[in-house]
C-alpha atoms as a PDB file:
ATOM      1  CA  PHE A   1     -67.782-139.288  22.553  1.00  0.00           C
ATOM      2  CA  ILE A   2     -70.265-140.799  20.075  1.00  0.00           C
ATOM      3  CA  GLN A   3     -67.940-143.746  19.454  1.00  0.00           C
ATOM      4  CA  HIS A   4     -67.738-144.435  23.203  1.00  0.00           C
ATOM      5  CA  LEU A   5     -71.548-144.447  23.420  1.00  0.00           C
ATOM      6  CA  ARG A   6     -71.751-146.881  20.510  1.00  0.00           C
ATOM      7  CA  ASP A   7     -69.188-149.149  22.152  1.00  0.00           C
ATOM      8  CA  LEU A   8     -71.099-149.015  25.437  1.00  0.00           C
ATOM      9  CA  THR A   9     -74.384-149.747  23.665  1.00  0.00           C
ATOM     10  CA  GLY A  10     -72.775-152.667  21.799  1.00  0.00           C
ATOM     11  CA  ARG A  11     -71.370-154.134  24.987  1.00  0.00           C
ATOM     12  CA  MET A  12     -74.700-153.790  26.792  1.00  0.00           C
ATOM     13  CA  SER A  13     -76.662-155.390  23.985  1.00  0.00           C
ATOM     14  CA  SER A  14     -74.244-158.317  23.666  1.00  0.00           C
ATOM     15  CA  SER A  15     -73.924-159.000  27.399  1.00  0.00           C
ATOM     16  CA  GLY A  16     -77.283-157.954  28.820  1.00  0.00           C
ATOM     17  CA  GLY A  17     -79.574-158.776  25.952  1.00  0.00           C
ATOM     18  CA  LYS A  18     -81.432-156.334  23.759  1.00  0.00           C
ATOM     19  CA  GLY A  19     -83.282-154.698  26.626  1.00  0.00           C
ATOM     20  CA  ALA A  20     -80.296-152.847  28.118  1.00  0.00           C
ATOM     21  CA  GLY A  21     -79.137-151.395  24.789  1.00  0.00           C
ATOM     22  CA  LEU A  22     -82.674-150.401  23.859  1.00  0.00           C
ATOM     23  CA  GLY A  23     -83.169-148.835  27.288  1.00  0.00           C
ATOM     24  CA  LEU A  24     -80.041-146.716  26.894  1.00  0.00           C
ATOM     25  CA  LYS A  25     -81.126-145.583  23.429  1.00  0.00           C
ATOM     26  CA  LEU A  26     -84.575-144.656  24.717  1.00  0.00           C
ATOM     27  CA  LEU A  27     -83.035-142.766  27.627  1.00  0.00           C
ATOM     28  CA  LEU A  28     -80.747-140.795  25.308  1.00  0.00           C
ATOM     29  CA  GLY A  29     -83.652-140.086  22.952  1.00  0.00           C
ATOM     30  CA  ALA A  30     -85.839-138.841  25.813  1.00  0.00           C
ATOM     31  CA  GLY A  31     -83.022-136.604  27.025  1.00  0.00           C
ATOM     32  CA  ALA A  32     -82.535-135.134  23.547  1.00  0.00           C
ATOM     33  CA  LEU A  33     -86.272-134.532  23.216  1.00  0.00           C
ATOM     34  CA  ALA A  34     -86.454-132.810  26.620  1.00  0.00           C
ATOM     35  CA  TYR A  35     -83.501-130.593  25.707  1.00  0.00           C
ATOM     36  CA  GLY A  36     -85.142-129.655  22.388  1.00  0.00           C
ATOM     37  CA  VAL A  37     -88.427-128.714  24.066  1.00  0.00           C
ATOM     38  CA  LYS A  38     -86.583-126.670  26.705  1.00  0.00           C
ATOM     39  CA  GLU A  39     -84.685-124.724  24.055  1.00  0.00           C
ATOM     40  CA  ALA A  40     -87.797-124.128  21.921  1.00  0.00           C
ATOM     41  CA  THR A  41     -89.933-122.547  24.683  1.00  0.00           C
ATOM     42  CA  TYR A  42     -89.647-119.387  26.748  1.00  0.00           C
ATOM     43  CA  THR A  43     -91.872-117.549  29.202  1.00  0.00           C
ATOM     44  CA  VAL A  44     -92.805-113.872  29.271  1.00  0.00           C
ATOM     45  CA  GLU A  45     -93.674-112.955  32.862  1.00  0.00           C
ATOM     46  CA  GLY A  46     -96.393-110.546  34.010  1.00  0.00           C
ATOM     47  CA  GLY A  47     -95.466-106.896  33.496  1.00  0.00           C
ATOM     48  CA  GLN A  48     -93.200-107.743  30.568  1.00  0.00           C
ATOM     49  CA  ARG A  49     -93.471-107.811  26.781  1.00  0.00           C
ATOM     50  CA  ALA A  50     -91.219-109.491  24.239  1.00  0.00           C
ATOM     51  CA  ILE A  51     -90.206-109.070  20.617  1.00  0.00           C
ATOM     52  CA  ILE A  52     -88.488-111.732  18.529  1.00  0.00           C
ATOM     53  CA  PHE A  53     -85.096-111.261  16.892  1.00  0.00           C
ATOM     54  CA  ASN A  54     -84.557-113.518  13.900  1.00  0.00           C
ATOM     55  CA  ARG A  55     -80.938-114.104  12.844  1.00  0.00           C
ATOM     56  CA  ILE A  56     -81.962-114.275   9.186  1.00  0.00           C
ATOM     57  CA  GLY A  57     -84.567-111.504   8.864  1.00  0.00           C
ATOM     58  CA  GLY A  58     -83.836-109.257  11.872  1.00  0.00           C
ATOM     59  CA  MET A  59     -86.498-107.827  14.165  1.00  0.00           C
ATOM     60  CA  GLN A  60     -90.165-108.639  13.769  1.00  0.00           C
ATOM     61  CA  MET A  61     -91.437-105.284  15.024  1.00  0.00           C
ATOM     62  CA  ASP A  62     -95.096-105.932  14.181  1.00  0.00           C
ATOM     63  CA  THR A  63     -95.271-108.818  16.663  1.00  0.00           C
ATOM     64  CA  ILE A  64     -95.305-107.899  20.358  1.00  0.00           C
ATOM     65  CA  LEU A  65     -95.783-110.900  22.602  1.00  0.00           C
ATOM     66  CA  ALA A  66     -97.714-110.650  25.874  1.00  0.00           C
ATOM     67  CA  GLU A  67     -97.400-112.771  29.015  1.00  0.00           C
ATOM     68  CA  GLY A  68     -97.339-116.519  28.725  1.00  0.00           C
ATOM     69  CA  LEU A  69     -95.497-119.468  27.260  1.00  0.00           C
ATOM     70  CA  HIS A  70     -94.224-118.976  23.701  1.00  0.00           C
ATOM     71  CA  PHE A  71     -92.332-121.055  21.169  1.00  0.00           C
ATOM     72  CA  ARG A  72     -89.285-120.188  19.057  1.00  0.00           C
ATOM     73  CA  VAL A  73     -86.974-121.838  16.556  1.00  0.00           C
ATOM     74  CA  PRO A  74     -83.760-122.548  18.510  1.00  0.00           C
ATOM     75  CA  TRP A  75     -80.528-120.951  17.246  1.00  0.00           C
ATOM     76  CA  PHE A  76     -82.420-118.794  14.714  1.00  0.00           C
ATOM     77  CA  GLN A  77     -84.776-116.804  16.933  1.00  0.00           C
ATOM     78  CA  TYR A  78     -84.423-115.414  20.401  1.00  0.00           C
ATOM     79  CA  PRO A  79     -86.717-113.180  22.465  1.00  0.00           C
ATOM     80  CA  ILE A  80     -85.818-109.718  23.723  1.00  0.00           C
ATOM     81  CA  ILE A  81     -87.868-109.161  26.868  1.00  0.00           C
ATOM     82  CA  TYR A  82     -88.745-105.660  28.139  1.00  0.00           C
ATOM     83  CA  ASP A  83     -90.116-104.585  31.512  1.00  0.00           C
ATOM     84  CA  ILE A  84     -93.163-102.350  30.962  1.00  0.00           C
ATOM     85  CA  ARG A  85     -94.229-101.740  34.569  1.00  0.00           C
ATOM     86  CA  ALA A  86     -94.605 -98.167  35.803  1.00  0.00           C
ATOM     87  CA  LYS A  87     -91.930 -97.169  38.309  1.00  0.00           C
ATOM     88  CA  PRO A  88     -92.557 -94.495  40.957  1.00  0.00           C
ATOM     89  CA  ARG A  89     -90.178 -91.550  41.152  1.00  0.00           C
ATOM     90  CA  LYS A  90     -89.753 -89.196  44.070  1.00  0.00           C
ATOM     91  CA  ILE A  91     -89.845 -85.485  43.284  1.00  0.00           C
ATOM     92  CA  SER A  92     -89.043 -83.010  46.049  1.00  0.00           C
ATOM     93  CA  SER A  93     -90.932 -79.731  46.355  1.00  0.00           C
ATOM     94  CA  LEU A  94     -90.699 -76.620  48.503  1.00  0.00           C
ATOM     95  CA  THR A  95     -93.716 -77.618  50.596  1.00  0.00           C
ATOM     96  CA  GLY A  96     -91.974 -80.727  51.876  1.00  0.00           C
ATOM     97  CA  LYS A  97     -94.878 -83.002  50.995  1.00  0.00           C
ATOM     98  CA  TYR A  98     -94.325 -86.218  49.120  1.00  0.00           C
ATOM     99  CA  TYR A  99     -96.222 -86.619  45.880  1.00  0.00           C
ATOM    100  CA  PRO A 100     -95.460 -89.862  44.067  1.00  0.00           C
ATOM    101  CA  ILE A 101     -95.496 -89.480  40.300  1.00  0.00           C
ATOM    102  CA  PHE A 102     -95.659 -92.526  38.076  1.00  0.00           C
ATOM    103  CA  TRP A 103     -93.722 -92.423  34.836  1.00  0.00           C
ATOM    104  CA  MET A 104     -93.534 -95.063  32.154  1.00  0.00           C
END
């Protein structure tokens, strides 16, 4: 695959001048940069918390991340995201009335 790209770049630079080959290189570089930024960021939504798992050192339990945009080292760290919102549960009683109870 890399050899085909080099051949294509060589053909473009020899036939279309230096601008076409440079344009293709810039386009590939911008794509690689965008992919790197996408892989290095993640979002923790509202009502969630995250902890980081590191493939080398394990869990970082002292760091709990709140909502927002966060950064990570791709392929070595990944977030484990938990939902922390209270969920209502229905409990029936003999009186027949409904009393919602919120549990964590």
